[in-house]
């Protein structure tokens, strides 16, 4: 993993590279730390796969010899339905990534997967094996094309699917805020807060006295104040019974014991020639504002592909992207699945146009949250014939990174909130920072020894080395990184001095001593950094003297 730039003070992460490689690199550091994963993998439509597969050597060799792969081993041919491995190819791509995804999830974590009908059944079987049948929550329907598409026989498809799995039963839903249409119903207010009136008489099935005889009983109402009692006297002198409009005896929604405990939440009002009883449904409860569960069918204009595309184009102009996801849909999922104040990590390793990153920003704005994201996207090349190429973009990652920047600027302008993390740090999956060694020691000639005086590749920066060290030591890539100068040398301080690293050359005893006096948990130096053999020899002794508990590492 190498550093590609970005905002050093941001806790958001964007990674360019094959997601399988990236997940393997991140696994130890982020094991059990991700609260929510959302992915929108490539649907198995017969188009090209750009992800490396996991086939047997025989299939790989055949694809290689027949010109079906590029120099990096990626498939170049369509996965047509006539291919005997049509479903296998797709599942082989998905299976290892889903296995790793489960490892990333916290015990109270949740995963959402967008998919169409083509691989729905196979995906559910794979997820049942990986997550367990009991951790399946829902197969949600997302209505994303109100007019319907005519790309399938017989039916104009108007939706796609969204599978939901939890890591364990420790998942806690946080619900969604009420819509504006519902909020306007809370127009009444007393000393407890805003409320709306809900009739207490049961409606719908099993709503008769004979269905639940113990839920048929009288209330008594004060005609002017609307106060309610279960006992009749001179003050509460108006009787109220659950009588239906056709004269049948109905029943209440509450039993008499529950009603006795919650009399202060009831209100009586005369309607026609009789009194009705209403529940005061308060907007604010002990846990804050009332929230609701998502329905199994998610619909509305904001979820549609048309609106999503318009939102994307409003940010990126003519730099087009096929079928971007709904910002509102993903923001709703994030708000439902994560608490705004738990520093939740949201991951998307098929991040595409980075809608999940945009949605994380928006959810933080809406709830004053501190959620962070990790996006991973393979840098699929843009063809010269596309408008994006003419605009200077060379890969999908270039487009996505610019989309995040512009989205952050737009959201900050619209919200005027400056306490939200709008930036991101960018990394690229790459080969090791260490030089490759091709020879046994006995094969190295005396004149070639100078080739091995530095074991770090020449094109690697100090930031690249720091990223390697952070991953090796299990330090989150989102940790705060500060730079300071000690005796003229650049020193990285990570997580408020938890890790300190110096990769400059000609490091002296003074630099080592100054770092040791700060008592970091980890201290890291470059093997070729020390100004002399005596400094290298004194390195351990200096730390033994000033910070014996510091864990030392030399690259």
Protein backbone atom coordinates (compact mmCIF):
# COMPACT_ATOMS: atom_id res chain seq x y z
CA UNK A 1 0.00 0.00 0.00
CA UNK A 2 1.41 3.39 -0.97
CA UNK A 3 0.29 6.91 -0.13
CA UNK A 4 -1.44 8.86 -2.92
CA UNK A 5 -2.11 12.10 -1.10
CA UNK A 6 -5.26 13.72 0.22
CA UNK A 7 -6.11 15.42 3.49
CA UNK A 8 -3.73 14.30 6.21
CA UNK A 9 -6.14 15.36 8.95
CA UNK A 10 -9.08 13.38 7.49
CA UNK A 11 -10.22 10.05 8.93
CA UNK A 12 -11.82 8.91 5.66
CA UNK A 13 -9.97 6.43 3.45
CA UNK A 14 -10.05 5.92 -0.33
CA UNK A 15 -8.05 3.01 -1.78
CA UNK A 16 -7.25 2.39 -5.46
CA UNK A 17 -6.76 -1.26 -6.30
CA UNK A 18 -8.31 -4.70 -6.60
CA UNK A 19 -10.57 -5.02 -3.59
CA UNK A 20 -9.47 -8.58 -2.81
CA UNK A 21 -5.86 -7.42 -2.44
CA UNK A 22 -6.94 -4.37 -0.44
CA UNK A 23 -9.11 -6.42 1.91
CA UNK A 24 -6.28 -8.84 2.59
CA UNK A 25 -3.93 -5.95 3.40
CA UNK A 26 -6.46 -4.23 5.69
CA UNK A 27 -7.79 -7.35 7.38
CA UNK A 28 -5.57 -7.53 10.47
CA UNK A 29 -5.78 -3.81 11.18
CA UNK A 30 -9.55 -3.50 10.75
CA UNK A 31 -10.58 -6.95 12.02
CA UNK A 32 -13.96 -6.59 13.73
CA UNK A 33 -13.93 -2.78 13.54
CA UNK A 34 -16.38 -2.00 10.69
CA UNK A 35 -19.98 -1.26 11.70
CA UNK A 36 -21.59 -1.32 8.25
CA UNK A 37 -20.60 -2.65 4.83
CA UNK A 38 -22.54 -1.78 1.71
CA UNK A 39 -21.56 -3.15 -1.69
CA UNK A 40 -23.02 -2.88 -5.17
CA UNK A 41 -21.00 -5.58 -6.96
CA UNK A 42 -21.03 -6.03 -10.74
CA UNK A 43 -24.22 -7.86 -11.64
CA UNK A 44 -23.71 -10.98 -13.70
CA UNK A 45 -25.11 -9.55 -16.93
CA UNK A 46 -22.61 -11.09 -19.35
CA UNK A 47 -20.40 -8.00 -19.46
CA UNK A 48 -16.66 -8.02 -18.83
CA UNK A 49 -15.28 -8.96 -15.44
CA UNK A 50 -12.41 -6.73 -14.44
CA UNK A 51 -11.68 -8.53 -11.20
CA UNK A 52 -9.19 -11.35 -11.01
CA UNK A 53 -10.84 -14.70 -10.56
CA UNK A 54 -9.84 -17.69 -8.50
CA UNK A 55 -10.03 -20.42 -11.09
CA UNK A 56 -7.94 -23.55 -11.30
CA UNK A 57 -4.62 -23.34 -13.06
CA UNK A 58 -6.02 -25.15 -16.05
CA UNK A 59 -8.66 -22.46 -16.67
CA UNK A 60 -6.16 -19.68 -16.08
CA UNK A 61 -3.70 -21.19 -18.49
CA UNK A 62 -6.38 -21.56 -21.13
CA UNK A 63 -7.51 -17.93 -20.75
CA UNK A 64 -3.89 -16.81 -20.89
CA UNK A 65 -2.98 -18.83 -23.96
CA UNK A 66 -6.10 -17.84 -25.85
CA UNK A 67 -5.56 -14.12 -25.29
CA UNK A 68 -8.45 -13.71 -22.85
CA UNK A 69 -6.42 -11.91 -20.19
CA UNK A 70 -4.22 -8.82 -20.10
CA UNK A 71 -0.67 -8.65 -18.78
CA UNK A 72 -2.02 -8.45 -15.20
CA UNK A 73 -4.16 -11.54 -15.57
CA UNK A 74 -7.53 -9.77 -15.73
CA UNK A 75 -10.22 -11.29 -17.94
CA UNK A 76 -10.86 -9.52 -21.21
CA UNK A 77 -13.78 -11.54 -22.54
CA UNK A 78 -17.47 -11.35 -21.78
CA UNK A 79 -18.88 -13.82 -19.29
CA UNK A 80 -21.67 -14.84 -21.66
CA UNK A 81 -24.59 -16.99 -20.59
CA UNK A 82 -23.45 -19.64 -23.05
CA UNK A 83 -20.34 -20.08 -20.93
CA UNK A 84 -20.61 -23.26 -18.90
CA UNK A 85 -19.04 -21.42 -15.99
CA UNK A 86 -21.39 -18.43 -16.21
CA UNK A 87 -22.55 -18.52 -12.58
CA UNK A 88 -19.33 -20.08 -11.30
CA UNK A 89 -17.22 -17.25 -12.66
CA UNK A 90 -19.28 -14.66 -10.79
CA UNK A 91 -19.46 -16.63 -7.57
CA UNK A 92 -15.72 -17.30 -7.62
CA UNK A 93 -15.22 -13.57 -7.79
CA UNK A 94 -17.67 -12.86 -4.95
CA UNK A 95 -17.01 -15.67 -2.47
CA UNK A 96 -13.53 -14.73 -1.15
CA UNK A 97 -14.52 -11.07 -0.91
CA UNK A 98 -17.60 -11.89 1.16
CA UNK A 99 -15.56 -14.18 3.42
CA UNK A 100 -13.21 -11.31 4.15
CA UNK A 101 -16.10 -8.88 4.56
CA UNK A 102 -17.46 -10.91 7.48
CA UNK A 103 -14.08 -10.65 9.22
CA UNK A 104 -14.21 -6.86 9.00
CA UNK A 105 -17.66 -6.58 10.58
CA UNK A 106 -17.96 -5.77 14.27
CA UNK A 107 -20.09 -8.16 16.34
CA UNK A 108 -22.90 -5.61 16.10
CA UNK A 109 -22.21 -4.96 12.43
CA UNK A 110 -24.44 -5.28 9.37
CA UNK A 111 -23.93 -5.86 5.65
CA UNK A 112 -26.10 -4.72 2.73
CA UNK A 113 -25.65 -6.10 -0.80
CA UNK A 114 -27.39 -4.68 -3.87
CA UNK A 115 -28.16 -7.30 -6.52
CA UNK A 116 -30.57 -8.04 -9.35
CA UNK A 117 -32.62 -11.19 -9.93
CA UNK A 118 -29.94 -12.95 -11.99
CA UNK A 119 -27.72 -14.07 -9.11
CA UNK A 120 -30.06 -13.44 -6.19
CA UNK A 121 -30.62 -17.09 -5.32
CA UNK A 122 -26.94 -17.98 -5.63
CA UNK A 123 -25.91 -14.96 -3.59
CA UNK A 124 -28.30 -15.90 -0.80
CA UNK A 125 -26.86 -19.41 -0.68
CA UNK A 126 -23.32 -18.08 -0.46
CA UNK A 127 -24.27 -15.57 2.23
CA UNK A 128 -26.09 -18.28 4.19
CA UNK A 129 -22.86 -20.27 4.26
CA UNK A 130 -20.70 -17.30 5.23
CA UNK A 131 -22.97 -15.36 7.62
CA UNK A 132 -25.29 -18.17 8.69
CA UNK A 133 -28.99 -18.66 7.96
CA UNK A 134 -29.99 -17.14 11.30
CA UNK A 135 -28.21 -13.88 10.49
CA UNK A 136 -30.29 -13.22 7.39
CA UNK A 137 -32.53 -10.23 8.09
CA UNK A 138 -34.31 -9.22 4.91
CA UNK A 139 -34.52 -9.34 1.14
CA UNK A 140 -35.52 -5.74 0.51
CA UNK A 141 -37.03 -4.41 -2.69
CA UNK A 142 -35.69 -1.05 -3.86
CA UNK A 143 -37.96 0.63 -6.40
CA UNK A 144 -35.42 2.57 -8.45
CA UNK A 145 -37.18 2.98 -11.78
CA UNK A 146 -40.69 4.28 -11.44
CA UNK A 147 -41.49 3.80 -15.13
CA UNK A 148 -40.04 0.29 -15.36
CA UNK A 149 -37.30 -0.99 -17.68
CA UNK A 150 -37.93 -3.07 -20.77
CA UNK A 151 -34.58 -4.87 -20.69
CA UNK A 152 -36.20 -8.18 -19.68
CA UNK A 153 -38.83 -10.34 -21.33
CA UNK A 154 -42.46 -10.03 -20.33
CA UNK A 155 -42.09 -7.67 -17.32
CA UNK A 156 -40.99 -4.02 -17.11
CA UNK A 157 -38.67 -4.29 -14.15
CA UNK A 158 -38.94 -1.38 -11.70
CA UNK A 159 -36.76 -2.58 -8.85
CA UNK A 160 -33.60 -4.28 -7.68
CA UNK A 161 -32.90 -6.24 -4.49
CA UNK A 162 -31.00 -5.42 -1.33
CA UNK A 163 -29.93 -8.26 0.94
CA UNK A 164 -29.34 -7.54 4.63
CA UNK A 165 -27.24 -9.74 6.93
CA UNK A 166 -26.04 -9.09 10.47
CA UNK A 167 -22.84 -10.42 12.03
CA UNK A 168 -24.75 -11.54 15.13
CA UNK A 169 -27.85 -10.81 17.17
CA UNK A 170 -25.96 -7.95 18.84
CA UNK A 171 -26.92 -5.62 16.00
CA UNK A 172 -29.01 -2.70 17.24
CA UNK A 173 -31.15 -0.76 14.79
CA UNK A 174 -31.19 3.01 15.12
CA UNK A 175 -34.21 3.64 12.94
CA UNK A 176 -34.91 6.47 10.53
CA UNK A 177 -36.16 9.96 11.35
CA UNK A 178 -39.78 10.69 10.52
CA UNK A 179 -40.50 12.23 7.14
CA UNK A 180 -41.67 15.82 6.87
CA UNK A 181 -45.14 14.60 5.90
CA UNK A 182 -45.40 12.71 9.19
CA UNK A 183 -43.74 15.43 11.28
CA UNK A 184 -46.41 17.97 10.35
CA UNK A 185 -49.00 15.71 12.05
CA UNK A 186 -47.35 16.45 15.42
CA UNK A 187 -49.08 19.81 15.60
CA UNK A 188 -50.30 19.63 19.22
CA UNK A 189 -48.16 20.41 22.26
CA UNK A 190 -48.32 20.21 26.04
CA UNK A 191 -45.70 20.51 28.78
CA UNK A 192 -44.22 17.16 27.77
CA UNK A 193 -43.73 18.16 24.14
CA UNK A 194 -45.24 17.89 20.67
CA UNK A 195 -47.72 15.11 19.97
CA UNK A 196 -50.39 13.83 17.61
CA UNK A 197 -53.64 12.05 18.47
CA UNK A 198 -54.10 8.38 17.53
CA UNK A 199 -57.49 6.80 18.12
CA UNK A 200 -57.29 4.13 20.83
CA UNK A 201 -60.05 2.00 19.33
CA UNK A 202 -58.60 -1.00 17.48
CA UNK A 203 -59.04 -0.96 13.73
CA UNK A 204 -58.50 -3.69 11.17
CA UNK A 205 -58.65 -7.42 11.88
CA UNK A 206 -59.81 -8.83 15.23
CA UNK A 207 -61.28 -5.45 16.21
CA UNK A 208 -64.49 -6.66 17.90
CA UNK A 209 -65.34 -7.14 21.56
CA UNK A 210 -65.86 -10.85 20.99
CA UNK A 211 -62.28 -11.11 19.65
CA UNK A 212 -60.73 -9.72 22.88
CA UNK A 213 -63.45 -9.35 25.56
CA UNK A 214 -60.98 -8.08 28.17
CA UNK A 215 -60.17 -5.09 25.96
CA UNK A 216 -63.74 -3.80 26.09
CA UNK A 217 -64.20 -1.52 29.08
CA UNK A 218 -65.35 2.08 29.72
CA UNK A 219 -63.34 5.28 30.09
CA UNK A 220 -64.73 8.40 31.71
CA UNK A 221 -63.95 11.85 30.36
CA UNK A 222 -64.08 15.43 31.65
CA UNK A 223 -65.95 17.13 28.85
CA UNK A 224 -64.06 20.46 28.88
CA UNK A 225 -60.43 19.40 29.58
CA UNK A 226 -60.46 16.02 27.83
CA UNK A 227 -58.87 14.36 30.88
CA UNK A 228 -59.52 10.62 31.16
CA UNK A 229 -60.15 8.25 34.07
CA UNK A 230 -61.17 4.64 34.56
CA UNK A 231 -63.50 5.63 37.42
CA UNK A 232 -66.69 7.62 37.10
CA UNK A 233 -67.42 10.56 39.43
CA UNK A 234 -68.77 14.10 39.21
CA UNK A 235 -65.61 15.32 37.42
CA UNK A 236 -65.20 12.40 35.01
CA UNK A 237 -68.84 12.05 34.06
CA UNK A 238 -68.85 11.32 30.29
CA UNK A 239 -68.61 7.65 29.33
CA UNK A 240 -66.55 6.49 26.32
CA UNK A 241 -66.81 2.96 24.88
CA UNK A 242 -65.15 1.48 21.76
CA UNK A 243 -68.30 1.47 19.66
CA UNK A 244 -67.84 1.26 15.90
CA UNK A 245 -69.57 3.63 13.48
CA UNK A 246 -72.03 0.88 12.52
CA UNK A 247 -73.00 0.37 16.17
CA UNK A 248 -71.00 -2.86 16.73
CA UNK A 249 -69.07 -3.25 19.95
CA UNK A 250 -65.37 -2.90 19.16
CA UNK A 251 -62.37 -2.99 21.49
CA UNK A 252 -59.42 -0.86 22.60
CA UNK A 253 -55.79 -1.34 21.57
CA UNK A 254 -54.70 -1.35 25.23
CA UNK A 255 -55.65 -3.64 28.06
CA UNK A 256 -57.04 -2.05 31.22
CA UNK A 257 -53.79 -2.50 33.19
CA UNK A 258 -51.78 -0.69 30.53
CA UNK A 259 -54.43 2.02 30.34
CA UNK A 260 -54.29 2.59 34.09
CA UNK A 261 -50.51 3.16 33.95
CA UNK A 262 -50.74 5.55 30.98
CA UNK A 263 -53.85 7.59 31.68
CA UNK A 264 -51.85 10.82 31.35
CA UNK A 265 -51.21 9.90 27.69
CA UNK A 266 -54.91 9.70 26.86
CA UNK A 267 -57.31 12.39 25.71
CA UNK A 268 -61.08 12.29 25.34
CA UNK A 269 -62.97 14.24 22.71
CA UNK A 270 -66.60 14.35 21.64
CA UNK A 271 -67.16 13.30 18.03
CA UNK A 272 -70.77 13.48 16.92
CA UNK A 273 -72.95 12.18 19.71
CA UNK A 274 -70.30 10.12 21.56
CA UNK A 275 -66.85 10.46 23.10
CA UNK A 276 -63.73 8.95 21.53
CA UNK A 277 -60.47 8.18 23.31
CA UNK A 278 -57.14 9.10 21.75
CA UNK A 279 -53.55 8.28 22.58
CA UNK A 280 -51.12 11.22 22.75
CA UNK A 281 -48.35 9.97 20.49
CA UNK A 282 -45.36 12.14 21.48
CA UNK A 283 -42.63 13.08 19.05
CA UNK A 284 -39.92 12.96 21.72
CA UNK A 285 -39.41 9.97 24.01
CA UNK A 286 -36.85 9.07 26.64
CA UNK A 287 -34.43 8.09 23.86
CA UNK A 288 -34.92 11.23 21.82
CA UNK A 289 -37.00 11.87 18.72
CA UNK A 290 -39.25 9.09 17.50
CA UNK A 291 -37.75 6.97 14.71
CA UNK A 292 -39.17 4.31 12.43
CA UNK A 293 -38.04 1.08 10.83
CA UNK A 294 -37.48 0.91 7.07
CA UNK A 295 -40.15 -1.00 5.20
CA UNK A 296 -39.38 -4.11 3.16
CA UNK A 297 -40.18 -2.11 0.02
CA UNK A 298 -38.05 1.01 -0.28
CA UNK A 299 -39.63 3.42 -2.72
CA UNK A 300 -39.87 7.08 -3.52
CA UNK A 301 -38.53 9.47 -6.12
CA UNK A 302 -35.31 10.05 -4.16
CA UNK A 303 -34.42 6.35 -4.53
CA UNK A 304 -34.84 6.34 -8.31
CA UNK A 305 -32.02 6.05 -10.81
CA UNK A 306 -33.32 9.17 -12.61
CA UNK A 307 -32.92 11.33 -9.50
CA UNK A 308 -29.60 9.69 -8.64
CA UNK A 309 -28.25 10.45 -12.10
CA UNK A 310 -29.43 14.07 -11.90
CA UNK A 311 -27.75 14.46 -8.51
CA UNK A 312 -24.53 13.02 -9.88
CA UNK A 313 -24.57 15.24 -12.98
CA UNK A 314 -25.22 18.31 -10.84
CA UNK A 315 -21.85 17.58 -9.23
CA UNK A 316 -19.81 16.16 -12.11
CA UNK A 317 -21.39 17.75 -15.17
CA UNK A 318 -20.68 15.91 -18.43
CA UNK A 319 -18.36 13.38 -16.77
CA UNK A 320 -20.93 10.60 -16.94
CA UNK A 321 -21.25 7.48 -14.82
CA UNK A 322 -23.65 4.63 -15.49
CA UNK A 323 -26.44 4.16 -12.96
CA UNK A 324 -24.99 5.85 -9.86
CA UNK A 325 -26.64 4.79 -6.61
CA UNK A 326 -29.09 6.94 -4.70
CA UNK A 327 -27.45 9.20 -2.12
CA UNK A 328 -30.71 9.18 -0.15
CA UNK A 329 -30.93 5.38 -0.11
CA UNK A 330 -27.38 4.94 1.17
CA UNK A 331 -27.70 7.80 3.64
CA UNK A 332 -30.87 6.18 5.01
CA UNK A 333 -29.09 2.83 5.38
CA UNK A 334 -26.17 4.48 7.18
CA UNK A 335 -28.46 6.44 9.53
CA UNK A 336 -30.53 3.32 10.23
CA UNK A 337 -27.55 1.04 10.89
CA UNK A 338 -25.11 3.31 12.75
CA UNK A 339 -25.27 5.74 15.63
CA UNK A 340 -24.02 9.25 14.81
CA UNK A 341 -21.75 9.37 17.86
CA UNK A 342 -20.05 5.95 17.82
CA UNK A 343 -17.24 6.72 15.34
CA UNK A 344 -18.71 4.03 13.10
CA UNK A 345 -16.71 2.88 10.08
CA UNK A 346 -18.71 2.45 6.86
CA UNK A 347 -17.05 0.34 4.15
CA UNK A 348 -17.78 -0.07 0.44
CA UNK A 349 -15.28 -2.16 -1.52
CA UNK A 350 -17.12 -1.89 -4.85
CA UNK A 351 -17.38 1.86 -4.44
CA UNK A 352 -17.84 2.89 -8.09
CA UNK A 353 -18.66 6.59 -8.26
CA UNK A 354 -18.23 6.83 -4.44
CA UNK A 355 -21.89 7.45 -3.63
CA UNK A 356 -21.36 5.72 -0.27
CA UNK A 357 -18.70 8.29 0.61
CA UNK A 358 -21.07 11.13 -0.32
CA UNK A 359 -23.87 9.48 1.69
CA UNK A 360 -21.62 9.18 4.75
CA UNK A 361 -20.89 12.90 4.58
CA UNK A 362 -24.58 13.72 4.26
CA UNK A 363 -25.61 11.44 7.13
CA UNK A 364 -23.03 13.14 9.35
CA UNK A 365 -24.42 16.54 8.40
CA UNK A 366 -28.01 15.50 9.09
CA UNK A 367 -27.24 14.00 12.51
CA UNK A 368 -24.08 15.86 13.57
CA UNK A 369 -22.34 12.51 13.29
CA UNK A 370 -18.71 11.39 13.21
CA UNK A 371 -18.95 8.34 10.96
CA UNK A 372 -15.93 7.51 8.76
CA UNK A 373 -15.69 5.62 5.50
CA UNK A 374 -13.33 3.23 3.71
CA UNK A 375 -13.85 3.11 -0.07
CA UNK A 376 -12.09 0.61 -2.36
CA UNK A 377 -12.28 0.69 -6.15
CA UNK A 378 -10.27 -1.00 -8.86
CA UNK A 379 -8.80 1.68 -11.18
CA UNK A 380 -10.65 0.56 -14.29
CA UNK A 381 -9.32 2.47 -17.28
CA UNK A 382 -11.44 4.97 -19.19
CA UNK A 383 -11.42 4.64 -22.96
CA UNK A 384 -10.28 7.63 -25.07
CA UNK A 385 -13.74 7.79 -26.68
CA UNK A 386 -15.43 8.78 -23.41
CA UNK A 387 -16.08 12.39 -22.40
CA UNK A 388 -14.37 11.71 -19.07
CA UNK A 389 -11.12 10.97 -20.91
CA UNK A 390 -11.30 14.30 -22.72
CA UNK A 391 -11.84 15.98 -19.35
CA UNK A 392 -8.57 14.53 -18.09
CA UNK A 393 -9.77 11.48 -16.19
CA UNK A 394 -7.94 8.20 -16.82
CA UNK A 395 -9.59 5.78 -14.39
CA UNK A 396 -12.84 5.38 -12.51
CA UNK A 397 -10.90 6.22 -9.35
CA UNK A 398 -9.99 9.63 -10.78
CA UNK A 399 -13.70 10.34 -11.30
CA UNK A 400 -14.71 9.04 -7.87
CA UNK A 401 -12.05 11.03 -6.02
CA UNK A 402 -13.11 14.23 -7.75
CA UNK A 403 -16.75 13.42 -7.02
CA UNK A 404 -15.93 13.13 -3.29
CA UNK A 405 -14.09 16.47 -3.33
CA UNK A 406 -16.91 18.27 -5.12
CA UNK A 407 -19.58 16.57 -3.01
CA UNK A 408 -17.84 17.71 0.16
CA UNK A 409 -17.62 21.28 -1.13
CA UNK A 410 -21.30 21.27 -2.13
CA UNK A 411 -22.52 19.74 1.13
CA UNK A 412 -20.46 22.17 3.22
CA UNK A 413 -21.80 25.11 1.20
CA UNK A 414 -25.40 23.95 1.59
CA UNK A 415 -25.16 23.06 5.27
CA UNK A 416 -22.65 25.70 6.46
CA UNK A 417 -21.34 23.06 8.88
CA UNK A 418 -17.59 23.07 9.42
CA UNK A 419 -17.40 20.28 12.01
CA UNK A 420 -17.87 17.50 9.42
CA UNK A 421 -14.97 15.58 7.88
CA UNK A 422 -15.31 16.39 4.17
CA UNK A 423 -11.85 15.18 3.12
CA UNK A 424 -10.17 11.82 2.58
CA UNK A 425 -6.76 10.19 2.49
CA UNK A 426 -5.92 8.33 -0.69
CA UNK A 427 -3.87 5.14 -1.01
CA UNK A 428 -3.01 2.69 -3.77
CA UNK A 429 -2.50 -1.05 -3.53
CA UNK A 430 1.06 -1.67 -4.65
CA UNK A 431 3.93 -4.08 -4.27
CA UNK A 432 6.05 -4.16 -1.12
CA UNK A 433 8.20 -1.16 -0.23
CA UNK A 434 11.09 -3.56 0.27
CA UNK A 435 13.45 -4.47 -2.56
CA UNK A 436 13.18 -7.93 -4.03
CA UNK A 437 16.10 -10.26 -3.39
CA UNK A 438 16.75 -12.75 -6.15
CA UNK A 439 20.08 -14.20 -5.05
CA UNK A 440 21.32 -16.44 -2.30
CA UNK A 441 24.07 -14.82 -0.17
CA UNK A 442 26.61 -17.20 -1.68
CA UNK A 443 25.76 -15.92 -5.16
CA UNK A 444 26.48 -12.27 -4.35
CA UNK A 445 29.88 -10.98 -5.42
CA UNK A 446 31.95 -8.56 -3.37
CA UNK A 447 31.55 -5.80 -5.94
CA UNK A 448 27.75 -6.10 -5.74
CA UNK A 449 27.42 -5.54 -1.99
CA UNK A 450 26.69 -1.84 -2.45
CA UNK A 451 23.43 -2.85 -4.13
CA UNK A 452 22.12 -3.98 -0.75
CA UNK A 453 23.06 -0.98 1.42
CA UNK A 454 19.44 0.16 1.29
CA UNK A 455 16.63 -2.39 1.34
CA UNK A 456 13.91 0.14 0.44
CA UNK A 457 12.83 0.69 -3.16
CA UNK A 458 14.09 3.99 -4.56
CA UNK A 459 10.66 5.31 -5.58
CA UNK A 460 9.08 4.96 -2.14
CA UNK A 461 8.42 8.02 -0.01
CA UNK A 462 8.54 8.33 3.80
CA UNK A 463 4.73 8.43 3.71
CA UNK A 464 4.70 5.07 1.91
CA UNK A 465 6.90 3.58 4.62
CA UNK A 466 4.68 5.02 7.34
CA UNK A 467 1.59 3.40 5.81
CA UNK A 468 3.38 0.03 5.73
CA UNK A 469 4.37 0.39 9.37
CA UNK A 470 0.86 1.41 10.45
CA UNK A 471 -0.65 -1.64 8.74
CA UNK A 472 2.04 -3.95 10.13
CA UNK A 473 1.44 -2.70 13.66
CA UNK A 474 -2.35 -2.64 13.45
CA UNK A 475 -2.68 1.15 13.59
CA UNK A 476 -5.76 2.45 11.75
CA UNK A 477 -5.02 4.32 8.52
CA UNK A 478 -7.46 6.97 9.72
CA UNK A 479 -5.36 7.74 12.80
CA UNK A 480 -4.20 11.32 13.27
CA UNK A 481 -0.80 11.87 11.67
CA UNK A 482 1.31 14.88 12.59
CA UNK A 483 4.73 15.90 11.33
CA UNK A 484 7.32 17.58 13.51
CA UNK A 485 10.97 18.47 13.07
CA UNK A 486 13.58 17.16 15.49
CA UNK A 487 17.18 18.23 14.98
CA UNK A 488 16.39 18.98 11.33
CA UNK A 489 14.77 15.59 10.66
CA UNK A 490 11.10 14.92 9.77
CA UNK A 491 9.42 12.78 12.39
CA UNK A 492 5.90 11.35 12.10
CA UNK A 493 3.75 11.26 15.22
CA UNK A 494 0.74 8.99 14.83
CA UNK A 495 -2.25 8.91 17.19
CA UNK A 496 -0.84 11.57 19.53
CA UNK A 497 2.57 9.93 19.83
CA UNK A 498 1.43 6.32 20.08
CA UNK A 499 3.68 5.61 17.08
CA UNK A 500 6.69 7.75 16.16
CA UNK A 501 8.71 7.17 13.00
CA UNK A 502 11.66 8.80 11.28
CA UNK A 503 12.80 7.70 7.82
CA UNK A 504 15.22 10.54 7.04
CA UNK A 505 18.89 9.82 6.43
CA UNK A 506 21.77 10.74 8.77
CA UNK A 507 19.75 10.29 11.95
CA UNK A 508 21.95 11.11 14.97
CA UNK A 509 21.91 10.15 18.65
CA UNK A 510 20.16 13.45 19.37
CA UNK A 511 17.21 12.52 17.16
CA UNK A 512 16.91 9.03 18.66
CA UNK A 513 17.14 10.45 22.19
CA UNK A 514 14.50 13.14 21.53
CA UNK A 515 12.08 10.51 20.22
CA UNK A 516 12.80 8.17 23.14
CA UNK A 517 12.10 10.98 25.63
CA UNK A 518 8.55 11.24 24.22
CA UNK A 519 7.86 7.63 25.33
CA UNK A 520 6.00 6.35 22.27
CA UNK A 521 4.52 2.87 22.34
CA UNK A 522 6.20 2.16 18.97
CA UNK A 523 9.32 3.77 17.52
CA UNK A 524 10.34 3.00 13.93
CA UNK A 525 13.45 3.89 11.94
CA UNK A 526 14.90 3.02 8.57
CA UNK A 527 17.85 0.64 8.66
CA UNK A 528 19.94 2.89 6.42
CA UNK A 529 18.92 6.07 8.25
CA UNK A 530 21.48 6.10 11.03
CA UNK A 531 24.34 8.52 10.43
CA UNK A 532 26.97 6.03 11.62
CA UNK A 533 27.49 2.54 12.94
CA UNK A 534 27.86 3.94 16.45
CA UNK A 535 24.36 5.50 16.29
CA UNK A 536 22.96 2.16 15.17
CA UNK A 537 24.81 0.47 18.02
CA UNK A 538 23.57 3.03 20.58
CA UNK A 539 19.94 2.89 19.35
CA UNK A 540 18.82 0.13 21.74
CA UNK A 541 20.76 1.53 24.68
CA UNK A 542 19.20 4.99 24.27
CA UNK A 543 15.70 3.55 24.42
CA UNK A 544 16.61 1.26 27.33
CA UNK A 545 17.66 4.39 29.19
CA UNK A 546 14.83 6.81 28.37
CA UNK A 547 11.86 4.65 27.30
CA UNK A 548 12.48 0.95 28.00
CA UNK A 549 8.84 -0.04 27.33
CA UNK A 550 8.86 1.37 23.79
CA UNK A 551 8.59 -1.31 21.09
CA UNK A 552 11.31 -0.60 18.52
CA UNK A 553 11.29 -1.55 14.86
CA UNK A 554 13.85 -1.02 12.11
CA UNK A 555 12.89 -1.39 8.44
